[in-house]
Amino acid sequence: MIRRLLVMIGLFACGAPAIAMVGGAAESEGAGAGRHAVLIVGSRGTSCTGVAVARDLILTAAHCLHAGADYRLVEFDARHSPTLKNIVSVTRHPQFDMATFLAHRATADVALIKLAEPLAPAVEVAPLAASGRRVAVGDRLTVAGYGVAVRGDGRTGGTARVAVLAVTGRPGNLQIRLIDPDTLGARAGLGACSGDSGAPAFDAANDRFAIVGVVSWSTGPNDTAGCGGLTGVTPLSFYRDWIVQTARRLGSPLPPS
């Protein structure tokens, strides 16, 4: 089972290591925002990213987790060799609606994963952003994910990569849109791609990272299909209380903001 899950997402594939999340961002495992991100794999060949919010609790996107599938957390040693950690429970927000998500409308795309045992020390817990935190056009958020660096090539996934993106459009309580500040979506640039769903979007200051939201979707340049255009984030403002209360119920209280 372990090898089959890992083969599905290309972690046993040969080839040169990928440079970055699409657009050329640097690798970040064990440092910076990447130290908070984790990789989640599913028995149906899916992979997503999550963020540690307690030593045994992961926040991710609800659309990553499907009924009837088995999920594991992937941990890497110093040589990037993977092992899998068992999951006790998956809790999606009760207001998440898959039909709404697939219709490209905002929904409660957040979920919590309870682990059978604590994370390795190399993974650090990140706090939620303060409840009053709101973003504005032009703000910079840091996204850390394990998705592919080349769309359609699973061999380029499985490495934590980081991109600093700018808020664009009309950010609100239901959705935040991010864009590469250098390309502005007119041509391919930095952005989330397959496997980055559930990745944390951080408010960063002095190497401290607070979670503003999680990645839900992406587009190619000029709103085409693909990656490297917009990165869509579900902000935590509406769902923060649910996250805090559910974590407490699961026996994994969160650190202070």
Protein backbone atom coordinates (compact mmCIF):
# COMPACT_ATOMS: atom_id res chain seq x y z
CA MET A 1 0.00 0.00 0.00
CA ILE A 2 2.75 2.50 0.93
CA ARG A 3 4.69 2.00 -2.29
CA ARG A 4 1.53 2.04 -4.40
CA LEU A 5 0.42 5.37 -2.92
CA LEU A 6 3.84 6.92 -3.46
CA VAL A 7 4.17 5.64 -7.02
CA MET A 8 0.81 7.19 -7.86
CA ILE A 9 2.15 10.69 -7.20
CA GLY A 10 5.52 10.08 -8.79
CA LEU A 11 7.70 10.10 -5.67
CA PHE A 12 9.57 7.04 -6.91
CA ALA A 13 10.04 8.44 -10.41
CA CYS A 14 13.49 9.17 -11.75
CA GLY A 15 14.69 12.43 -13.19
CA ALA A 16 16.16 15.79 -12.22
CA PRO A 17 14.59 17.57 -9.23
CA ALA A 18 12.08 20.26 -10.08
CA ILE A 19 13.16 23.86 -9.72
CA ALA A 20 9.99 25.25 -8.18
CA MET A 21 6.21 25.57 -7.93
CA VAL A 22 5.17 26.69 -11.43
CA GLY A 23 6.91 29.93 -12.32
CA GLY A 24 10.35 29.38 -10.77
CA ALA A 25 10.04 29.78 -6.98
CA ALA A 26 12.72 28.31 -4.72
CA GLU A 27 12.52 25.05 -2.79
CA SER A 28 11.76 25.57 0.87
CA GLU A 29 11.68 22.25 2.76
CA GLY A 30 12.95 22.59 6.31
CA ALA A 31 13.19 26.38 6.10
CA GLY A 32 10.93 29.41 5.78
CA ALA A 33 7.26 28.82 5.05
CA GLY A 34 7.99 25.28 3.83
CA ARG A 35 8.70 24.07 7.36
CA HIS A 36 4.97 24.31 8.13
CA ALA A 37 3.66 22.53 5.00
CA VAL A 38 2.98 18.79 4.64
CA LEU A 39 2.11 16.44 1.77
CA ILE A 40 -1.11 14.38 1.80
CA VAL A 41 -1.68 11.44 -0.58
CA GLY A 42 -4.83 9.47 -1.29
CA SER A 43 -5.59 5.92 -2.41
CA ARG A 44 -7.21 7.23 -5.59
CA GLY A 45 -3.98 8.76 -6.82
CA THR A 46 -4.61 12.24 -5.43
CA SER A 47 -2.14 14.49 -3.65
CA CYS A 48 -2.68 17.73 -1.78
CA THR A 49 -0.86 20.02 0.61
CA GLY A 50 -1.71 20.83 4.22
CA VAL A 51 -0.34 22.92 7.05
CA ALA A 52 0.41 21.88 10.62
CA VAL A 53 -1.82 23.75 13.08
CA ALA A 54 -1.02 21.45 16.03
CA ARG A 55 1.49 18.64 16.55
CA ASP A 56 -1.08 16.08 15.39
CA LEU A 57 -3.50 18.20 13.36
CA ILE A 58 -3.40 19.34 9.73
CA LEU A 59 -5.48 22.04 8.04
CA THR A 60 -6.17 21.53 4.33
CA ALA A 61 -8.83 22.04 1.65
CA ALA A 62 -12.08 20.08 1.99
CA HIS A 63 -12.24 19.30 -1.73
CA CYS A 64 -9.06 17.23 -1.36
CA LEU A 65 -10.78 14.64 0.83
CA HIS A 66 -13.33 12.27 -0.69
CA ALA A 67 -15.58 9.75 1.02
CA GLY A 68 -14.41 6.17 0.60
CA ALA A 69 -10.76 7.03 -0.07
CA ASP A 70 -7.84 6.36 2.26
CA TYR A 71 -5.34 9.11 3.06
CA ARG A 72 -1.86 9.23 4.53
CA LEU A 73 0.58 11.98 5.43
CA VAL A 74 4.01 11.76 3.78
CA GLU A 75 7.09 12.59 5.85
CA PHE A 76 10.57 12.90 4.39
CA ASP A 77 13.89 12.26 6.08
CA ALA A 78 17.09 14.24 5.46
CA ARG A 79 17.67 12.31 2.21
CA HIS A 80 14.11 13.01 1.03
CA SER A 81 13.11 9.36 1.51
CA PRO A 82 9.34 9.17 2.16
CA THR A 83 7.42 7.34 4.88
CA LEU A 84 3.68 7.45 5.52
CA LYS A 85 1.87 8.46 8.72
CA ASN A 86 -1.58 7.15 9.58
CA ILE A 87 -4.62 9.39 9.87
CA VAL A 88 -7.24 8.92 12.60
CA SER A 89 -10.00 11.13 11.22
CA VAL A 90 -10.93 13.61 8.50
CA THR A 91 -13.38 16.43 9.33
CA ARG A 92 -14.66 18.65 6.53
CA HIS A 93 -16.48 21.88 7.30
CA PRO A 94 -20.22 21.05 7.44
CA GLN A 95 -21.05 23.86 5.00
CA PHE A 96 -18.63 22.65 2.32
CA ASP A 97 -20.51 21.70 -0.84
CA MET A 98 -18.69 19.84 -3.61
CA ALA A 99 -21.26 20.78 -6.27
CA THR A 100 -20.77 24.45 -5.43
CA PHE A 101 -17.00 24.01 -5.58
CA LEU A 102 -17.15 22.25 -8.96
CA ALA A 103 -19.35 25.08 -10.25
CA HIS A 104 -16.46 27.45 -9.44
CA ARG A 105 -18.31 29.23 -6.67
CA ALA A 106 -17.03 29.96 -3.17
CA THR A 107 -17.76 27.41 -0.44
CA ALA A 108 -16.37 26.37 2.94
CA ASP A 109 -13.33 24.65 1.43
CA VAL A 110 -11.54 23.83 4.70
CA ALA A 111 -10.94 20.56 6.57
CA LEU A 112 -8.95 19.17 9.48
CA ILE A 113 -6.97 15.91 9.54
CA LYS A 114 -6.20 14.25 12.87
CA LEU A 115 -2.99 12.18 12.88
CA ALA A 116 -2.43 8.94 14.75
CA GLU A 117 0.87 10.27 16.15
CA PRO A 118 2.66 13.63 16.33
CA LEU A 119 4.54 15.12 13.41
CA ALA A 120 8.29 14.82 13.14
CA PRO A 121 10.19 17.69 14.83
CA ALA A 122 11.21 19.08 11.42
CA VAL A 123 7.60 20.14 10.79
CA GLU A 124 6.66 23.24 12.75
CA VAL A 125 3.18 24.33 13.79
CA ALA A 126 1.90 27.61 12.32
CA PRO A 127 -0.70 29.83 14.04
CA LEU A 128 -3.85 31.15 12.42
CA ALA A 129 -3.77 34.83 11.53
CA ALA A 130 -5.48 37.11 14.04
CA SER A 131 -9.27 37.13 13.71
CA GLY A 132 -9.34 40.77 12.60
CA ARG A 133 -6.79 40.33 9.81
CA ARG A 134 -8.10 41.47 6.44
CA VAL A 135 -6.16 41.62 3.20
CA ALA A 136 -6.17 44.43 0.66
CA VAL A 137 -5.21 44.67 -3.00
CA GLY A 138 -1.42 44.75 -3.26
CA ASP A 139 -0.75 42.85 -0.01
CA ARG A 140 1.81 40.05 -0.39
CA LEU A 141 1.03 36.53 0.85
CA THR A 142 3.43 33.58 0.91
CA VAL A 143 2.14 30.25 -0.44
CA ALA A 144 3.94 26.98 0.36
CA GLY A 145 2.92 23.79 -1.45
CA TYR A 146 4.01 20.34 -2.59
CA GLY A 147 2.40 20.56 -6.03
CA VAL A 148 3.93 19.94 -9.43
CA ALA A 149 6.39 22.36 -11.02
CA VAL A 150 5.31 21.32 -14.52
CA ARG A 151 1.61 20.94 -15.18
CA GLY A 152 0.73 17.33 -15.95
CA ASP A 153 4.08 15.93 -14.82
CA GLY A 154 3.64 14.21 -11.43
CA ARG A 155 7.40 13.57 -11.24
CA THR A 156 7.91 17.27 -10.51
CA GLY A 157 5.76 17.16 -7.36
CA GLY A 158 6.60 16.13 -3.82
CA THR A 159 8.95 19.00 -2.95
CA ALA A 160 7.91 21.99 -0.85
CA ARG A 161 8.15 25.19 -2.87
CA VAL A 162 7.27 28.75 -1.98
CA ALA A 163 5.92 31.70 -3.94
CA VAL A 164 5.26 35.25 -2.77
CA LEU A 165 2.10 36.44 -4.52
CA ALA A 166 0.12 39.69 -4.56
CA VAL A 167 -3.56 40.09 -3.69
CA THR A 168 -5.64 41.23 -6.67
CA GLY A 169 -9.30 41.81 -7.58
CA ARG A 170 -11.78 42.31 -4.75
CA PRO A 171 -10.60 40.27 -1.76
CA GLY A 172 -13.36 39.37 0.69
CA ASN A 173 -14.43 36.88 3.33
CA LEU A 174 -15.22 34.14 0.80
CA GLN A 175 -12.33 34.34 -1.64
CA ILE A 176 -8.90 35.87 -2.17
CA ARG A 177 -7.22 35.93 -5.58
CA LEU A 178 -3.44 36.00 -5.82
CA ILE A 179 -1.23 36.81 -8.77
CA ASP A 180 2.44 36.92 -9.64
CA PRO A 181 3.35 40.59 -9.11
CA ASP A 182 5.85 40.42 -11.97
CA THR A 183 3.56 38.99 -14.66
CA LEU A 184 0.12 40.17 -13.43
CA GLY A 185 -1.44 37.11 -15.05
CA ALA A 186 -0.78 38.35 -18.58
CA ARG A 187 1.76 35.55 -19.08
CA ALA A 188 2.68 32.43 -17.11
CA GLY A 189 4.26 33.21 -13.75
CA LEU A 190 4.37 32.06 -10.15
CA GLY A 191 1.32 30.22 -8.87
CA ALA A 192 -0.22 27.11 -7.40
CA CYS A 193 -0.78 23.99 -9.49
CA SER A 194 -1.92 20.37 -9.12
CA GLY A 195 -1.04 19.11 -5.64
CA ASP A 196 -1.02 22.58 -4.10
CA SER A 197 -4.70 22.45 -3.10
CA GLY A 198 -4.88 22.98 0.66
CA ALA A 199 -1.55 24.79 0.71
CA PRO A 200 -1.33 27.56 3.30
CA ALA A 201 -1.32 31.21 2.30
CA PHE A 202 0.68 33.04 4.96
CA ASP A 203 0.98 36.55 6.24
CA ALA A 204 4.75 36.68 6.77
CA ALA A 205 6.83 38.99 8.95
CA ASN A 206 10.35 38.45 10.36
CA ASP A 207 10.35 34.74 9.38
CA ARG A 208 7.09 34.18 11.27
CA PHE A 209 4.15 32.86 9.28
CA ALA A 210 0.46 33.17 10.20
CA ILE A 211 -2.17 31.32 8.13
CA VAL A 212 -4.58 33.62 6.27
CA GLY A 213 -6.20 30.94 4.10
CA VAL A 214 -5.75 27.74 2.07
CA VAL A 215 -5.39 27.30 -1.69
CA SER A 216 -8.55 26.11 -3.45
CA TRP A 217 -7.97 26.56 -7.19
CA SER A 218 -5.75 27.99 -9.89
CA THR A 219 -5.91 29.24 -13.48
CA GLY A 220 -3.50 29.78 -16.31
CA PRO A 221 -2.66 33.24 -17.69
CA ASN A 222 -5.62 35.40 -18.73
CA ASP A 223 -8.10 33.05 -16.98
CA THR A 224 -7.25 30.08 -19.18
CA ALA A 225 -7.20 26.54 -17.81
CA GLY A 226 -4.02 25.52 -16.04
CA CYS A 227 -1.52 27.12 -13.69
CA GLY A 228 0.65 30.21 -13.45
CA GLY A 229 -2.18 32.74 -13.63
CA LEU A 230 -4.47 33.24 -10.63
CA THR A 231 -4.19 31.32 -7.36
CA GLY A 232 -7.51 31.17 -5.52
CA VAL A 233 -7.46 31.09 -1.72
CA THR A 234 -10.28 30.35 0.73
CA PRO A 235 -9.74 32.83 3.59
CA LEU A 236 -10.19 31.59 7.15
CA SER A 237 -12.13 34.62 8.40
CA PHE A 238 -15.59 32.93 8.22
CA TYR A 239 -14.29 29.52 9.32
CA ARG A 240 -11.83 30.42 12.04
CA ASP A 241 -14.17 29.66 14.95
CA TRP A 242 -15.06 26.28 13.48
CA ILE A 243 -11.36 25.42 13.10
CA VAL A 244 -10.59 26.42 16.70
CA GLN A 245 -13.60 24.59 18.16
CA THR A 246 -13.07 21.44 16.09
CA ALA A 247 -9.39 21.32 17.00
CA ARG A 248 -10.34 21.55 20.68
CA ARG A 249 -12.92 18.79 20.29
CA LEU A 250 -10.32 16.56 18.61
CA GLY A 251 -7.94 17.11 21.55
CA SER A 252 -5.51 19.25 19.55
CA PRO A 253 -5.85 22.86 20.78
CA LEU A 254 -4.26 25.46 18.53
CA PRO A 255 -1.44 27.82 19.50
CA PRO A 256 -2.34 31.49 20.04
CA SER A 257 -2.50 33.74 17.00
